[in-house]
């Protein structure tokens, strides 16, 4: 059974592997498998991007965003409100 939507190479390989072992044919199982396969494609694409560009650091960004929102606590509440 082919996947319900287009998949990349990693997702398609996962689809074919799982289908050859389990022969999933119910609507819910097909959808869950399709979502898992699409996630596998995204993971591989992101891994390739990280390999090419390196990891991004968010240190320093989050505290600035919190202060910009008028709070001084990571929970979003002012420390004076506690």
C-alpha atoms as a PDB file:
ATOM      1  CA  UNK A   1       0.000   0.000   0.000  1.00  0.00           C
ATOM      2  CA  UNK A   2       1.473   3.391  -0.952  1.00  0.00           C
ATOM      3  CA  UNK A   3       1.570   6.255   1.578  1.00  0.00           C
ATOM      4  CA  UNK A   4      -1.420   8.636   1.530  1.00  0.00           C
ATOM      5  CA  UNK A   5       0.811  11.619   0.733  1.00  0.00           C
ATOM      6  CA  UNK A   6       4.255  12.296  -0.659  1.00  0.00           C
ATOM      7  CA  UNK A   7       7.169  11.412   1.608  1.00  0.00           C
ATOM      8  CA  UNK A   8      10.892  12.069   1.378  1.00  0.00           C
ATOM      9  CA  UNK A   9      13.429   9.293   1.099  1.00  0.00           C
ATOM     10  CA  UNK A  10      13.745   8.641   4.850  1.00  0.00           C
ATOM     11  CA  UNK A  11      10.002   8.718   5.430  1.00  0.00           C
ATOM     12  CA  UNK A  12       9.350   6.460   2.472  1.00  0.00           C
ATOM     13  CA  UNK A  13      11.970   3.976   3.672  1.00  0.00           C
ATOM     14  CA  UNK A  14      10.290   3.902   7.091  1.00  0.00           C
ATOM     15  CA  UNK A  15       6.850   3.504   5.476  1.00  0.00           C
ATOM     16  CA  UNK A  16       7.992   0.581   3.357  1.00  0.00           C
ATOM     17  CA  UNK A  17       9.791  -1.080   6.269  1.00  0.00           C
ATOM     18  CA  UNK A  18       6.820  -0.854   8.633  1.00  0.00           C
ATOM     19  CA  UNK A  19       4.285  -1.835   5.975  1.00  0.00           C
ATOM     20  CA  UNK A  20       6.304  -4.869   4.918  1.00  0.00           C
ATOM     21  CA  UNK A  21       6.418  -6.064   8.530  1.00  0.00           C
ATOM     22  CA  UNK A  22       2.916  -5.131   9.743  1.00  0.00           C
ATOM     23  CA  UNK A  23       0.668  -4.559   6.678  1.00  0.00           C
ATOM     24  CA  UNK A  24      -1.192  -1.663   8.299  1.00  0.00           C
ATOM     25  CA  UNK A  25      -4.500  -1.077   6.536  1.00  0.00           C
ATOM     26  CA  UNK A  26      -6.804   0.684   9.019  1.00  0.00           C
ATOM     27  CA  UNK A  27      -7.369   4.417   8.568  1.00  0.00           C
ATOM     28  CA  UNK A  28      -6.015   5.387  11.988  1.00  0.00           C
ATOM     29  CA  UNK A  29      -2.920   3.225  11.667  1.00  0.00           C
ATOM     30  CA  UNK A  30      -2.196   4.566   8.191  1.00  0.00           C
ATOM     31  CA  UNK A  31      -2.481   8.163   9.409  1.00  0.00           C
ATOM     32  CA  UNK A  32      -0.251   7.567  12.439  1.00  0.00           C
ATOM     33  CA  UNK A  33       2.347   5.858  10.281  1.00  0.00           C
ATOM     34  CA  UNK A  34       2.195   8.672   7.702  1.00  0.00           C
ATOM     35  CA  UNK A  35       2.742  11.263  10.440  1.00  0.00           C
ATOM     36  CA  UNK A  36       5.669   9.283  11.870  1.00  0.00           C
ATOM     37  CA  UNK A  37       7.203   9.023   8.405  1.00  0.00           C
ATOM     38  CA  UNK A  38       6.771  12.761   7.766  1.00  0.00           C
ATOM     39  CA  UNK A  39       8.417  13.426  11.146  1.00  0.00           C
ATOM     40  CA  UNK A  40      11.322  11.176  10.153  1.00  0.00           C
ATOM     41  CA  UNK A  41      11.788  13.273   7.013  1.00  0.00           C
ATOM     42  CA  UNK A  42      11.750  16.500   9.064  1.00  0.00           C
ATOM     43  CA  UNK A  43      14.260  15.097  11.557  1.00  0.00           C
ATOM     44  CA  UNK A  44      16.642  14.158   8.772  1.00  0.00           C
ATOM     45  CA  UNK A  45      16.240  17.554   7.086  1.00  0.00           C
ATOM     46  CA  UNK A  46      16.912  19.363  10.347  1.00  0.00           C
ATOM     47  CA  UNK A  47      19.908  17.149  11.098  1.00  0.00           C
ATOM     48  CA  UNK A  48      21.334  18.006   7.681  1.00  0.00           C
ATOM     49  CA  UNK A  49      20.756  21.718   8.298  1.00  0.00           C
ATOM     50  CA  UNK A  50      22.473  21.530  11.693  1.00  0.00           C
ATOM     51  CA  UNK A  51      25.408  19.699  10.103  1.00  0.00           C
ATOM     52  CA  UNK A  52      25.707  22.373   7.426  1.00  0.00           C
ATOM     53  CA  UNK A  53      25.144  25.480   9.559  1.00  0.00           C
ATOM     54  CA  UNK A  54      26.008  24.371  13.074  1.00  0.00           C
ATOM     55  CA  UNK A  55      23.815  24.657  16.133  1.00  0.00           C
ATOM     56  CA  UNK A  56      22.224  27.930  17.103  1.00  0.00           C
ATOM     57  CA  UNK A  57      22.470  29.163  20.654  1.00  0.00           C
ATOM     58  CA  UNK A  58      19.564  30.967  22.260  1.00  0.00           C
ATOM     59  CA  UNK A  59      21.528  32.024  25.334  1.00  0.00           C
ATOM     60  CA  UNK A  60      20.891  35.665  25.992  1.00  0.00           C
ATOM     61  CA  UNK A  61      17.876  35.752  23.690  1.00  0.00           C
ATOM     62  CA  UNK A  62      15.322  34.306  26.102  1.00  0.00           C
ATOM     63  CA  UNK A  63      16.122  36.661  29.014  1.00  0.00           C
ATOM     64  CA  UNK A  64      15.893  39.648  26.666  1.00  0.00           C
ATOM     65  CA  UNK A  65      12.510  38.489  25.405  1.00  0.00           C
ATOM     66  CA  UNK A  66      11.261  38.012  28.946  1.00  0.00           C
ATOM     67  CA  UNK A  67      12.403  41.506  29.962  1.00  0.00           C
ATOM     68  CA  UNK A  68      10.852  42.919  26.798  1.00  0.00           C
ATOM     69  CA  UNK A  69       7.493  41.453  27.814  1.00  0.00           C
ATOM     70  CA  UNK A  70       7.615  43.404  31.073  1.00  0.00           C
ATOM     71  CA  UNK A  71       8.405  40.466  33.314  1.00  0.00           C
ATOM     72  CA  UNK A  72      11.496  39.522  35.208  1.00  0.00           C
ATOM     73  CA  UNK A  73      10.793  35.831  35.716  1.00  0.00           C
ATOM     74  CA  UNK A  74      11.002  32.863  33.316  1.00  0.00           C
ATOM     75  CA  UNK A  75       7.416  31.965  34.307  1.00  0.00           C
ATOM     76  CA  UNK A  76       6.144  35.220  32.872  1.00  0.00           C
ATOM     77  CA  UNK A  77       5.040  36.568  36.265  1.00  0.00           C
ATOM     78  CA  UNK A  78       6.673  39.515  37.898  1.00  0.00           C
ATOM     79  CA  UNK A  79       8.703  38.509  40.904  1.00  0.00           C
ATOM     80  CA  UNK A  80       6.873  41.182  42.885  1.00  0.00           C
ATOM     81  CA  UNK A  81       3.539  39.386  42.216  1.00  0.00           C
ATOM     82  CA  UNK A  82       4.603  36.294  44.175  1.00  0.00           C
END
